Amino acid sequence: MGDVNKGKKVFVMKCAQCHTVVEGGRHKTGPNLWGLFGRKTGQAPGFTYTKANVEKGITWDEDTLEIYLKCPKKYIPGTKMLFAGLKKSKERQDLIAYLKEATSS
């Protein structure tokens, strides 16, 4: 399992420009991530997703995020997310630990 505090640092440096994590938070370039775990791709209310995200049909959990965060465009071809991915496994694990804590009650 990853380190939540290190994951928060990764989020602030690499994700916060486009995403928020708080309940009721606004969408930015990317969707608000509150309620991410257990939600299907392309389903955050009020955010306009690409057809690729909506049709991917997977449910976000630790395993799917691990694959996605390594290379988003490879996992969901056609996504509009510009982020190239996190190459370091430890950074992905830390970020996932943070997201799991920060996006749920």
PDB file of N, CA and C in Angstrom:
ATOM      1  N   MET A   1       0.843  -1.184   0.000  1.00  0.00           N
ATOM      2  CA  MET A   1       0.000   0.000   0.000  1.00  0.00           C
ATOM      3  C   MET A   1       0.885   1.242   0.000  1.00  0.00           C
ATOM      4  N   GLY A   2       0.405   2.275  -0.648  1.00  0.00           N
ATOM      5  CA  GLY A   2       1.170   3.505  -0.773  1.00  0.00           C
ATOM      6  C   GLY A   2       1.084   4.400   0.449  1.00  0.00           C
ATOM      7  N   ASP A   3       1.875   5.428   0.416  1.00  0.00           N
ATOM      8  CA  ASP A   3       1.947   6.428   1.486  1.00  0.00           C
ATOM      9  C   ASP A   3       1.024   7.596   1.134  1.00  0.00           C
ATOM     10  N   VAL A   4       0.001   7.813   1.949  1.00  0.00           N
ATOM     11  CA  VAL A   4      -1.004   8.840   1.687  1.00  0.00           C
ATOM     12  C   VAL A   4      -0.375  10.231   1.601  1.00  0.00           C
ATOM     13  N   ASN A   5       0.539  10.549   2.520  1.00  0.00           N
ATOM     14  CA  ASN A   5       1.157  11.877   2.521  1.00  0.00           C
ATOM     15  C   ASN A   5       1.998  12.120   1.272  1.00  0.00           C
ATOM     16  N   LYS A   6       2.741  11.116   0.863  1.00  0.00           N
ATOM     17  CA  LYS A   6       3.518  11.244  -0.375  1.00  0.00           C
ATOM     18  C   LYS A   6       2.574  11.334  -1.574  1.00  0.00           C
ATOM     19  N   GLY A   7       1.481  10.594  -1.513  1.00  0.00           N
ATOM     20  CA  GLY A   7       0.489  10.636  -2.585  1.00  0.00           C
ATOM     21  C   GLY A   7      -0.145  12.003  -2.723  1.00  0.00           C
ATOM     22  N   LYS A   8      -0.372  12.670  -1.603  1.00  0.00           N
ATOM     23  CA  LYS A   8      -0.929  14.023  -1.646  1.00  0.00           C
ATOM     24  C   LYS A   8       0.035  14.961  -2.361  1.00  0.00           C
ATOM     25  N   LYS A   9       1.324  14.799  -2.101  1.00  0.00           N
ATOM     26  CA  LYS A   9       2.340  15.630  -2.773  1.00  0.00           C
ATOM     27  C   LYS A   9       2.325  15.372  -4.283  1.00  0.00           C
ATOM     28  N   VAL A  10       2.197  14.111  -4.670  1.00  0.00           N
ATOM     29  CA  VAL A  10       2.118  13.771  -6.098  1.00  0.00           C
ATOM     30  C   VAL A  10       0.881  14.426  -6.701  1.00  0.00           C
ATOM     31  N   PHE A  11      -0.248  14.338  -5.987  1.00  0.00           N
ATOM     32  CA  PHE A  11      -1.488  14.931  -6.485  1.00  0.00           C
ATOM     33  C   PHE A  11      -1.332  16.435  -6.684  1.00  0.00           C
ATOM     34  N   VAL A  12      -0.793  17.112  -5.685  1.00  0.00           N
ATOM     35  CA  VAL A  12      -0.629  18.570  -5.759  1.00  0.00           C
ATOM     36  C   VAL A  12       0.282  18.952  -6.929  1.00  0.00           C
ATOM     37  N   MET A  13       1.357  18.206  -7.112  1.00  0.00           N
ATOM     38  CA  MET A  13       2.325  18.540  -8.164  1.00  0.00           C
ATOM     39  C   MET A  13       1.862  18.152  -9.565  1.00  0.00           C
ATOM     40  N   LYS A  14       1.113  17.057  -9.680  1.00  0.00           N
ATOM     41  CA  LYS A  14       0.845  16.518 -11.012  1.00  0.00           C
ATOM     42  C   LYS A  14      -0.622  16.424 -11.410  1.00  0.00           C
ATOM     43  N   CYS A  15      -1.538  16.605 -10.455  1.00  0.00           N
ATOM     44  CA  CYS A  15      -2.955  16.387 -10.759  1.00  0.00           C
ATOM     45  C   CYS A  15      -3.856  17.576 -10.440  1.00  0.00           C
ATOM     46  N   ALA A  16      -3.516  18.340  -9.406  1.00  0.00           N
ATOM     47  CA  ALA A  16      -4.403  19.385  -8.890  1.00  0.00           C
ATOM     48  C   ALA A  16      -4.662  20.511  -9.881  1.00  0.00           C
ATOM     49  N   GLN A  17      -3.815  20.663 -10.866  1.00  0.00           N
ATOM     50  CA  GLN A  17      -4.050  21.689 -11.877  1.00  0.00           C
ATOM     51  C   GLN A  17      -5.342  21.402 -12.643  1.00  0.00           C
ATOM     52  N   CYS A  18      -5.672  20.123 -12.793  1.00  0.00           N
ATOM     53  CA  CYS A  18      -6.834  19.736 -13.596  1.00  0.00           C
ATOM     54  C   CYS A  18      -7.957  19.069 -12.801  1.00  0.00           C
ATOM     55  N   HIS A  19      -7.701  18.632 -11.569  1.00  0.00           N
ATOM     56  CA  HIS A  19      -8.690  17.880 -10.795  1.00  0.00           C
ATOM     57  C   HIS A  19      -8.843  18.416  -9.380  1.00  0.00           C
ATOM     58  N   THR A  20     -10.045  18.243  -8.832  1.00  0.00           N
ATOM     59  CA  THR A  20     -10.307  18.475  -7.418  1.00  0.00           C
ATOM     60  C   THR A  20     -10.739  17.148  -6.810  1.00  0.00           C
ATOM     61  N   VAL A  21     -10.689  17.051  -5.479  1.00  0.00           N
ATOM     62  CA  VAL A  21     -11.035  15.792  -4.823  1.00  0.00           C
ATOM     63  C   VAL A  21     -12.113  15.930  -3.763  1.00  0.00           C
ATOM     64  N   VAL A  22     -12.552  17.131  -3.463  1.00  0.00           N
ATOM     65  CA  VAL A  22     -13.500  17.339  -2.370  1.00  0.00           C
ATOM     66  C   VAL A  22     -14.944  17.108  -2.802  1.00  0.00           C
ATOM     67  N   GLU A  23     -15.746  16.653  -1.862  1.00  0.00           N
ATOM     68  CA  GLU A  23     -17.165  16.445  -2.146  1.00  0.00           C
ATOM     69  C   GLU A  23     -17.791  17.773  -2.567  1.00  0.00           C
ATOM     70  N   GLY A  24     -18.485  17.769  -3.689  1.00  0.00           N
ATOM     71  CA  GLY A  24     -19.118  18.979  -4.195  1.00  0.00           C
ATOM     72  C   GLY A  24     -18.156  19.921  -4.901  1.00  0.00           C
ATOM     73  N   GLY A  25     -16.897  19.505  -5.047  1.00  0.00           N
ATOM     74  CA  GLY A  25     -15.895  20.342  -5.708  1.00  0.00           C
ATOM     75  C   GLY A  25     -16.210  20.536  -7.173  1.00  0.00           C
ATOM     76  N   ARG A  26     -15.693  21.614  -7.720  1.00  0.00           N
ATOM     77  CA  ARG A  26     -15.973  21.922  -9.120  1.00  0.00           C
ATOM     78  C   ARG A  26     -15.088  21.093 -10.054  1.00  0.00           C
ATOM     79  N   HIS A  27     -15.581  20.942 -11.256  1.00  0.00           N
ATOM     80  CA  HIS A  27     -14.767  20.342 -12.300  1.00  0.00           C
ATOM     81  C   HIS A  27     -13.805  21.401 -12.809  1.00  0.00           C
ATOM     82  N   LYS A  28     -12.634  20.974 -13.196  1.00  0.00           N
ATOM     83  CA  LYS A  28     -11.670  21.865 -13.853  1.00  0.00           C
ATOM     84  C   LYS A  28     -11.549  21.345 -15.281  1.00  0.00           C
ATOM     85  N   THR A  29     -10.348  21.307 -15.812  1.00  0.00           N
ATOM     86  CA  THR A  29     -10.134  20.694 -17.123  1.00  0.00           C
ATOM     87  C   THR A  29     -10.534  19.221 -17.062  1.00  0.00           C
ATOM     88  N   GLY A  30     -10.265  18.605 -15.923  1.00  0.00           N
ATOM     89  CA  GLY A  30     -10.666  17.231 -15.660  1.00  0.00           C
ATOM     90  C   GLY A  30     -11.771  17.212 -14.613  1.00  0.00           C
ATOM     91  N   PRO A  31     -12.408  16.072 -14.425  1.00  0.00           N
ATOM     92  CA  PRO A  31     -13.526  15.991 -13.490  1.00  0.00           C
ATOM     93  C   PRO A  31     -13.093  16.036 -12.027  1.00  0.00           C
ATOM     94  N   ASN A  32     -14.015  16.439 -11.172  1.00  0.00           N
ATOM     95  CA  ASN A  32     -13.831  16.296  -9.738  1.00  0.00           C
ATOM     96  C   ASN A  32     -13.771  14.799  -9.460  1.00  0.00           C
ATOM     97  N   LEU A  33     -12.870  14.386  -8.596  1.00  0.00           N
ATOM     98  CA  LEU A  33     -12.645  12.961  -8.370  1.00  0.00           C
ATOM     99  C   LEU A  33     -13.359  12.400  -7.140  1.00  0.00           C
ATOM    100  N   TRP A  34     -14.179  13.218  -6.464  1.00  0.00           N
ATOM    101  CA  TRP A  34     -14.911  12.714  -5.309  1.00  0.00           C
ATOM    102  C   TRP A  34     -15.763  11.513  -5.738  1.00  0.00           C
ATOM    103  N   GLY A  35     -15.716  10.439  -4.982  1.00  0.00           N
ATOM    104  CA  GLY A  35     -16.504   9.251  -5.301  1.00  0.00           C
ATOM    105  C   GLY A  35     -15.895   8.403  -6.403  1.00  0.00           C
ATOM    106  N   LEU A  36     -14.615   8.606  -6.680  1.00  0.00           N
ATOM    107  CA  LEU A  36     -13.940   7.910  -7.785  1.00  0.00           C
ATOM    108  C   LEU A  36     -13.990   6.394  -7.646  1.00  0.00           C
ATOM    109  N   PHE A  37     -13.649   5.881  -6.461  1.00  0.00           N
ATOM    110  CA  PHE A  37     -13.580   4.426  -6.273  1.00  0.00           C
ATOM    111  C   PHE A  37     -14.973   3.817  -6.327  1.00  0.00           C
ATOM    112  N   GLY A  38     -15.131   2.835  -7.202  1.00  0.00           N
ATOM    113  CA  GLY A  38     -16.423   2.183  -7.383  1.00  0.00           C
ATOM    114  C   GLY A  38     -17.280   2.807  -8.479  1.00  0.00           C
ATOM    115  N   ARG A  39     -16.799   3.890  -9.081  1.00  0.00           N
ATOM    116  CA  ARG A  39     -17.545   4.554 -10.156  1.00  0.00           C
ATOM    117  C   ARG A  39     -17.017   4.058 -11.504  1.00  0.00           C
ATOM    118  N   LYS A  40     -17.901   3.946 -12.468  1.00  0.00           N
ATOM    119  CA  LYS A  40     -17.491   3.561 -13.821  1.00  0.00           C
ATOM    120  C   LYS A  40     -16.870   4.759 -14.536  1.00  0.00           C
ATOM    121  N   THR A  41     -16.019   4.476 -15.509  1.00  0.00           N
ATOM    122  CA  THR A  41     -15.394   5.541 -16.289  1.00  0.00           C
ATOM    123  C   THR A  41     -16.454   6.403 -16.951  1.00  0.00           C
ATOM    124  N   GLY A  42     -16.142   7.703 -17.030  1.00  0.00           N
ATOM    125  CA  GLY A  42     -17.020   8.626 -17.734  1.00  0.00           C
ATOM    126  C   GLY A  42     -18.330   8.925 -17.043  1.00  0.00           C
ATOM    127  N   GLN A  43     -18.377   8.848 -15.717  1.00  0.00           N
ATOM    128  CA  GLN A  43     -19.653   8.979 -15.015  1.00  0.00           C
ATOM    129  C   GLN A  43     -19.732  10.081 -13.956  1.00  0.00           C
ATOM    130  N   ALA A  44     -18.743  10.956 -13.833  1.00  0.00           N
ATOM    131  CA  ALA A  44     -18.852  12.032 -12.838  1.00  0.00           C
ATOM    132  C   ALA A  44     -19.941  12.997 -13.288  1.00  0.00           C
ATOM    133  N   PRO A  45     -20.956  13.214 -12.465  1.00  0.00           N
ATOM    134  CA  PRO A  45     -22.075  14.079 -12.863  1.00  0.00           C
ATOM    135  C   PRO A  45     -21.612  15.490 -13.251  1.00  0.00           C
ATOM    136  N   GLY A  46     -22.107  15.954 -14.390  1.00  0.00           N
ATOM    137  CA  GLY A  46     -21.831  17.314 -14.824  1.00  0.00           C
ATOM    138  C   GLY A  46     -20.560  17.509 -15.614  1.00  0.00           C
ATOM    139  N   PHE A  47     -19.784  16.450 -15.828  1.00  0.00           N
ATOM    140  CA  PHE A  47     -18.556  16.574 -16.615  1.00  0.00           C
ATOM    141  C   PHE A  47     -18.770  15.947 -17.984  1.00  0.00           C
ATOM    142  N   THR A  48     -18.269  16.607 -19.019  1.00  0.00           N
ATOM    143  CA  THR A  48     -18.403  16.095 -20.379  1.00  0.00           C
ATOM    144  C   THR A  48     -17.178  15.260 -20.730  1.00  0.00           C
ATOM    145  N   TYR A  49     -17.395  13.984 -20.898  1.00  0.00           N
ATOM    146  CA  TYR A  49     -16.327  13.039 -21.207  1.00  0.00           C
ATOM    147  C   TYR A  49     -16.278  12.723 -22.699  1.00  0.00           C
ATOM    148  N   THR A  50     -15.141  12.182 -23.125  1.00  0.00           N
ATOM    149  CA  THR A  50     -15.048  11.664 -24.484  1.00  0.00           C
ATOM    150  C   THR A  50     -15.846  10.356 -24.562  1.00  0.00           C
ATOM    151  N   LYS A  51     -16.215   9.998 -25.753  1.00  0.00           N
ATOM    152  CA  LYS A  51     -16.911   8.733 -25.993  1.00  0.00           C
ATOM    153  C   LYS A  51     -16.060   7.565 -25.492  1.00  0.00           C
ATOM    154  N   ALA A  52     -14.741   7.677 -25.678  1.00  0.00           N
ATOM    155  CA  ALA A  52     -13.827   6.613 -25.251  1.00  0.00           C
ATOM    156  C   ALA A  52     -13.923   6.361 -23.744  1.00  0.00           C
ATOM    157  N   ASN A  53     -13.984   7.441 -22.950  1.00  0.00           N
ATOM    158  CA  ASN A  53     -14.084   7.288 -21.498  1.00  0.00           C
ATOM    159  C   ASN A  53     -15.424   6.664 -21.105  1.00  0.00           C
ATOM    160  N   VAL A  54     -16.486   7.126 -21.707  1.00  0.00           N
ATOM    161  CA  VAL A  54     -17.818   6.621 -21.376  1.00  0.00           C
ATOM    162  C   VAL A  54     -17.927   5.143 -21.746  1.00  0.00           C
ATOM    163  N   GLU A  55     -17.390   4.777 -22.890  1.00  0.00           N
ATOM    164  CA  GLU A  55     -17.556   3.410 -23.384  1.00  0.00           C
ATOM    165  C   GLU A  55     -16.543   2.417 -22.823  1.00  0.00           C
ATOM    166  N   LYS A  56     -15.495   2.878 -22.147  1.00  0.00           N
ATOM    167  CA  LYS A  56     -14.507   1.954 -21.579  1.00  0.00           C
ATOM    168  C   LYS A  56     -15.187   0.972 -20.630  1.00  0.00           C
ATOM    169  N   GLY A  57     -16.095   1.479 -19.810  1.00  0.00           N
ATOM    170  CA  GLY A  57     -16.942   0.612 -18.999  1.00  0.00           C
ATOM    171  C   GLY A  57     -16.271  -0.098 -17.841  1.00  0.00           C
ATOM    172  N   ILE A  58     -15.095   0.327 -17.424  1.00  0.00           N
ATOM    173  CA  ILE A  58     -14.483  -0.306 -16.263  1.00  0.00           C
ATOM    174  C   ILE A  58     -14.877   0.475 -15.009  1.00  0.00           C
ATOM    175  N   THR A  59     -14.720  -0.155 -13.876  1.00  0.00           N
ATOM    176  CA  THR A  59     -14.989   0.484 -12.598  1.00  0.00           C
ATOM    177  C   THR A  59     -13.652   0.822 -11.943  1.00  0.00           C
ATOM    178  N   TRP A  60     -13.543   2.054 -11.469  1.00  0.00           N
ATOM    179  CA  TRP A  60     -12.292   2.500 -10.863  1.00  0.00           C
ATOM    180  C   TRP A  60     -12.059   1.825  -9.516  1.00  0.00           C
ATOM    181  N   ASP A  61     -10.885   1.214  -9.392  1.00  0.00           N
ATOM    182  CA  ASP A  61     -10.412   0.650  -8.133  1.00  0.00           C
ATOM    183  C   ASP A  61      -8.886   0.711  -8.161  1.00  0.00           C
ATOM    184  N   GLU A  62      -8.235   0.144  -7.179  1.00  0.00           N
ATOM    185  CA  GLU A  62      -6.770   0.217  -7.122  1.00  0.00           C
ATOM    186  C   GLU A  62      -6.125  -0.363  -8.381  1.00  0.00           C
ATOM    187  N   ASP A  63      -6.634  -1.497  -8.843  1.00  0.00           N
ATOM    188  CA  ASP A  63      -6.025  -2.165  -9.997  1.00  0.00           C
ATOM    189  C   ASP A  63      -6.201  -1.385 -11.292  1.00  0.00           C
ATOM    190  N   THR A  64      -7.413  -0.884 -11.533  1.00  0.00           N
ATOM    191  CA  THR A  64      -7.643  -0.149 -12.777  1.00  0.00           C
ATOM    192  C   THR A  64      -6.902   1.187 -12.758  1.00  0.00           C
ATOM    193  N   LEU A  65      -6.825   1.829 -11.594  1.00  0.00           N
ATOM    194  CA  LEU A  65      -6.077   3.085 -11.507  1.00  0.00           C
ATOM    195  C   LEU A  65      -4.584   2.862 -11.710  1.00  0.00           C
ATOM    196  N   GLU A  66      -4.068   1.761 -11.204  1.00  0.00           N
ATOM    197  CA  GLU A  66      -2.649   1.432 -11.387  1.00  0.00           C
ATOM    198  C   GLU A  66      -2.309   1.373 -12.880  1.00  0.00           C
ATOM    199  N   ILE A  67      -3.140   0.714 -13.646  1.00  0.00           N
ATOM    200  CA  ILE A  67      -2.911   0.593 -15.097  1.00  0.00           C
ATOM    201  C   ILE A  67      -3.099   1.949 -15.769  1.00  0.00           C
ATOM    202  N   TYR A  68      -4.186   2.633 -15.448  1.00  0.00           N
ATOM    203  CA  TYR A  68      -4.511   3.911 -16.080  1.00  0.00           C
ATOM    204  C   TYR A  68      -3.449   4.972 -15.811  1.00  0.00           C
ATOM    205  N   LEU A  69      -3.025   5.085 -14.569  1.00  0.00           N
ATOM    206  CA  LEU A  69      -2.081   6.137 -14.211  1.00  0.00           C
ATOM    207  C   LEU A  69      -0.691   5.919 -14.795  1.00  0.00           C
ATOM    208  N   LYS A  70      -0.403   4.700 -15.202  1.00  0.00           N
ATOM    209  CA  LYS A  70       0.885   4.428 -15.849  1.00  0.00           C
ATOM    210  C   LYS A  70       0.927   5.059 -17.234  1.00  0.00           C
ATOM    211  N   CYS A  71      -0.181   4.954 -17.960  1.00  0.00           N
ATOM    212  CA  CYS A  71      -0.242   5.521 -19.313  1.00  0.00           C
ATOM    213  C   CYS A  71      -1.710   5.670 -19.727  1.00  0.00           C
ATOM    214  N   PRO A  72      -2.330   6.804 -19.359  1.00  0.00           N
ATOM    215  CA  PRO A  72      -3.762   6.985 -19.612  1.00  0.00           C
ATOM    216  C   PRO A  72      -4.181   6.787 -21.071  1.00  0.00           C
ATOM    217  N   LYS A  73      -3.410   7.306 -22.006  1.00  0.00           N
ATOM    218  CA  LYS A  73      -3.804   7.215 -23.421  1.00  0.00           C
ATOM    219  C   LYS A  73      -3.711   5.791 -23.961  1.00  0.00           C
ATOM    220  N   LYS A  74      -2.883   4.971 -23.350  1.00  0.00           N
ATOM    221  CA  LYS A  74      -2.797   3.569 -23.769  1.00  0.00           C
ATOM    222  C   LYS A  74      -3.982   2.778 -23.209  1.00  0.00           C
ATOM    223  N   TYR A  75      -4.368   3.070 -21.954  1.00  0.00           N
ATOM    224  CA  TYR A  75      -5.460   2.339 -21.313  1.00  0.00           C
ATOM    225  C   TYR A  75      -6.818   2.748 -21.862  1.00  0.00           C
ATOM    226  N   ILE A  76      -6.975   4.041 -22.138  1.00  0.00           N
ATOM    227  CA  ILE A  76      -8.221   4.525 -22.731  1.00  0.00           C
ATOM    228  C   ILE A  76      -7.875   5.342 -23.975  1.00  0.00           C
ATOM    229  N   PRO A  77      -7.637   4.661 -25.100  1.00  0.00           N
ATOM    230  CA  PRO A  77      -7.351   5.392 -26.339  1.00  0.00           C
ATOM    231  C   PRO A  77      -8.507   6.332 -26.665  1.00  0.00           C
ATOM    232  N   GLY A  78      -8.185   7.590 -26.943  1.00  0.00           N
ATOM    233  CA  GLY A  78      -9.213   8.569 -27.249  1.00  0.00           C
ATOM    234  C   GLY A  78      -9.563   9.455 -26.073  1.00  0.00           C
ATOM    235  N   THR A  79      -8.972   9.207 -24.899  1.00  0.00           N
ATOM    236  CA  THR A  79      -9.219  10.079 -23.757  1.00  0.00           C
ATOM    237  C   THR A  79      -8.655  11.464 -24.057  1.00  0.00           C
ATOM    238  N   LYS A  80      -9.281  12.497 -23.471  1.00  0.00           N
ATOM    239  CA  LYS A  80      -8.759  13.847 -23.676  1.00  0.00           C
ATOM    240  C   LYS A  80      -7.780  14.250 -22.586  1.00  0.00           C
ATOM    241  N   MET A  81      -7.512  13.332 -21.653  1.00  0.00           N
ATOM    242  CA  MET A  81      -6.543  13.626 -20.602  1.00  0.00           C
ATOM    243  C   MET A  81      -5.153  13.718 -21.212  1.00  0.00           C
ATOM    244  N   LEU A  82      -4.513  14.860 -21.021  1.00  0.00           N
ATOM    245  CA  LEU A  82      -3.213  15.107 -21.630  1.00  0.00           C
ATOM    246  C   LEU A  82      -2.055  14.547 -20.826  1.00  0.00           C
ATOM    247  N   PHE A  83      -2.299  14.185 -19.594  1.00  0.00           N
ATOM    248  CA  PHE A  83      -1.255  13.704 -18.703  1.00  0.00           C
ATOM    249  C   PHE A  83      -0.602  12.447 -19.267  1.00  0.00           C
ATOM    250  N   ALA A  84       0.728  12.437 -19.315  1.00  0.00           N
ATOM    251  CA  ALA A  84       1.470  11.314 -19.907  1.00  0.00           C
ATOM    252  C   ALA A  84       1.488  10.074 -19.020  1.00  0.00           C
ATOM    253  N   GLY A  85       1.307  10.254 -17.731  1.00  0.00           N
ATOM    254  CA  GLY A  85       1.303   9.116 -16.820  1.00  0.00           C
ATOM    255  C   GLY A  85       2.426   9.186 -15.807  1.00  0.00           C
ATOM    256  N   LEU A  86       2.359   8.294 -14.832  1.00  0.00           N
ATOM    257  CA  LEU A  86       3.390   8.180 -13.796  1.00  0.00           C
ATOM    258  C   LEU A  86       4.170   6.902 -14.058  1.00  0.00           C
ATOM    259  N   LYS A  87       5.412   7.041 -14.402  1.00  0.00           N
ATOM    260  CA  LYS A  87       6.230   5.875 -14.744  1.00  0.00           C
ATOM    261  C   LYS A  87       6.673   5.084 -13.520  1.00  0.00           C
ATOM    262  N   LYS A  88       6.821   5.757 -12.365  1.00  0.00           N
ATOM    263  CA  LYS A  88       7.300   5.088 -11.160  1.00  0.00           C
ATOM    264  C   LYS A  88       6.143   4.429 -10.410  1.00  0.00           C
ATOM    265  N   SER A  89       6.274   3.126 -10.207  1.00  0.00           N
ATOM    266  CA  SER A  89       5.239   2.356  -9.521  1.00  0.00           C
ATOM    267  C   SER A  89       4.951   2.924  -8.131  1.00  0.00           C
ATOM    268  N   LYS A  90       5.978   3.311  -7.389  1.00  0.00           N
ATOM    269  CA  LYS A  90       5.790   3.845  -6.037  1.00  0.00           C
ATOM    270  C   LYS A  90       4.960   5.127  -6.061  1.00  0.00           C
ATOM    271  N   GLU A  91       5.190   6.002  -7.035  1.00  0.00           N
ATOM    272  CA  GLU A  91       4.382   7.219  -7.151  1.00  0.00           C
ATOM    273  C   GLU A  91       2.924   6.869  -7.410  1.00  0.00           C
ATOM    274  N   ARG A  92       2.670   5.880  -8.272  1.00  0.00           N
ATOM    275  CA  ARG A  92       1.299   5.459  -8.541  1.00  0.00           C
ATOM    276  C   ARG A  92       0.648   4.898  -7.284  1.00  0.00           C
ATOM    277  N   GLN A  93       1.364   4.067  -6.554  1.00  0.00           N
ATOM    278  CA  GLN A  93       0.822   3.484  -5.326  1.00  0.00           C
ATOM    279  C   GLN A  93       0.508   4.570  -4.301  1.00  0.00           C
ATOM    280  N   ASP A  94       1.409   5.535  -4.156  1.00  0.00           N
ATOM    281  CA  ASP A  94       1.187   6.629  -3.211  1.00  0.00           C
ATOM    282  C   ASP A  94      -0.026   7.460  -3.624  1.00  0.00           C
ATOM    283  N   LEU A  95      -0.117   7.784  -4.904  1.00  0.00           N
ATOM    284  CA  LEU A  95      -1.240   8.582  -5.396  1.00  0.00           C
ATOM    285  C   LEU A  95      -2.560   7.847  -5.200  1.00  0.00           C
ATOM    286  N   ILE A  96      -2.587   6.575  -5.490  1.00  0.00           N
ATOM    287  CA  ILE A  96      -3.806   5.781  -5.319  1.00  0.00           C
ATOM    288  C   ILE A  96      -4.217   5.750  -3.849  1.00  0.00           C
ATOM    289  N   ALA A  97      -3.247   5.589  -2.947  1.00  0.00           N
ATOM    290  CA  ALA A  97      -3.554   5.609  -1.509  1.00  0.00           C
ATOM    291  C   ALA A  97      -4.168   6.948  -1.117  1.00  0.00           C
ATOM    292  N   TYR A  98      -3.602   8.039  -1.627  1.00  0.00           N
ATOM    293  CA  TYR A  98      -4.139   9.362  -1.336  1.00  0.00           C
ATOM    294  C   TYR A  98      -5.545   9.513  -1.909  1.00  0.00           C
ATOM    295  N   LEU A  99      -5.729   9.121  -3.170  1.00  0.00           N
ATOM    296  CA  LEU A  99      -7.042   9.275  -3.800  1.00  0.00           C
ATOM    297  C   LEU A  99      -8.107   8.455  -3.066  1.00  0.00           C
ATOM    298  N   LYS A 100      -7.735   7.278  -2.623  1.00  0.00           N
ATOM    299  CA  LYS A 100      -8.693   6.428  -1.910  1.00  0.00           C
ATOM    300  C   LYS A 100      -9.172   7.128  -0.637  1.00  0.00           C
ATOM    301  N   GLU A 101      -8.253   7.787   0.045  1.00  0.00           N
ATOM    302  CA  GLU A 101      -8.620   8.493   1.278  1.00  0.00           C
ATOM    303  C   GLU A 101      -9.319   9.818   0.992  1.00  0.00           C
ATOM    304  N   ALA A 102      -8.831  10.563   0.025  1.00  0.00           N
ATOM    305  CA  ALA A 102      -9.313  11.937  -0.215  1.00  0.00           C
ATOM    306  C   ALA A 102     -10.634  12.013  -0.975  1.00  0.00           C
ATOM    307  N   THR A 103     -11.018  10.943  -1.655  1.00  0.00           N
ATOM    308  CA  THR A 103     -12.207  11.020  -2.518  1.00  0.00           C
ATOM    309  C   THR A 103     -13.407  10.272  -1.960  1.00  0.00           C
ATOM    310  N   SER A 104     -13.334   9.888  -0.685  1.00  0.00           N
ATOM    311  CA  SER A 104     -14.469   9.198  -0.079  1.00  0.00           C
ATOM    312  C   SER A 104     -14.614   9.647   1.369  1.00  0.00           C
ATOM    313  N   SER A 105     -15.790   9.390   1.914  1.00  0.00           N
ATOM    314  CA  SER A 105     -16.038   9.840   3.299  1.00  0.00           C
ATOM    315  C   SER A 105     -15.663   8.772   4.297  1.00  0.00           C
TER     316      SER A 105
END
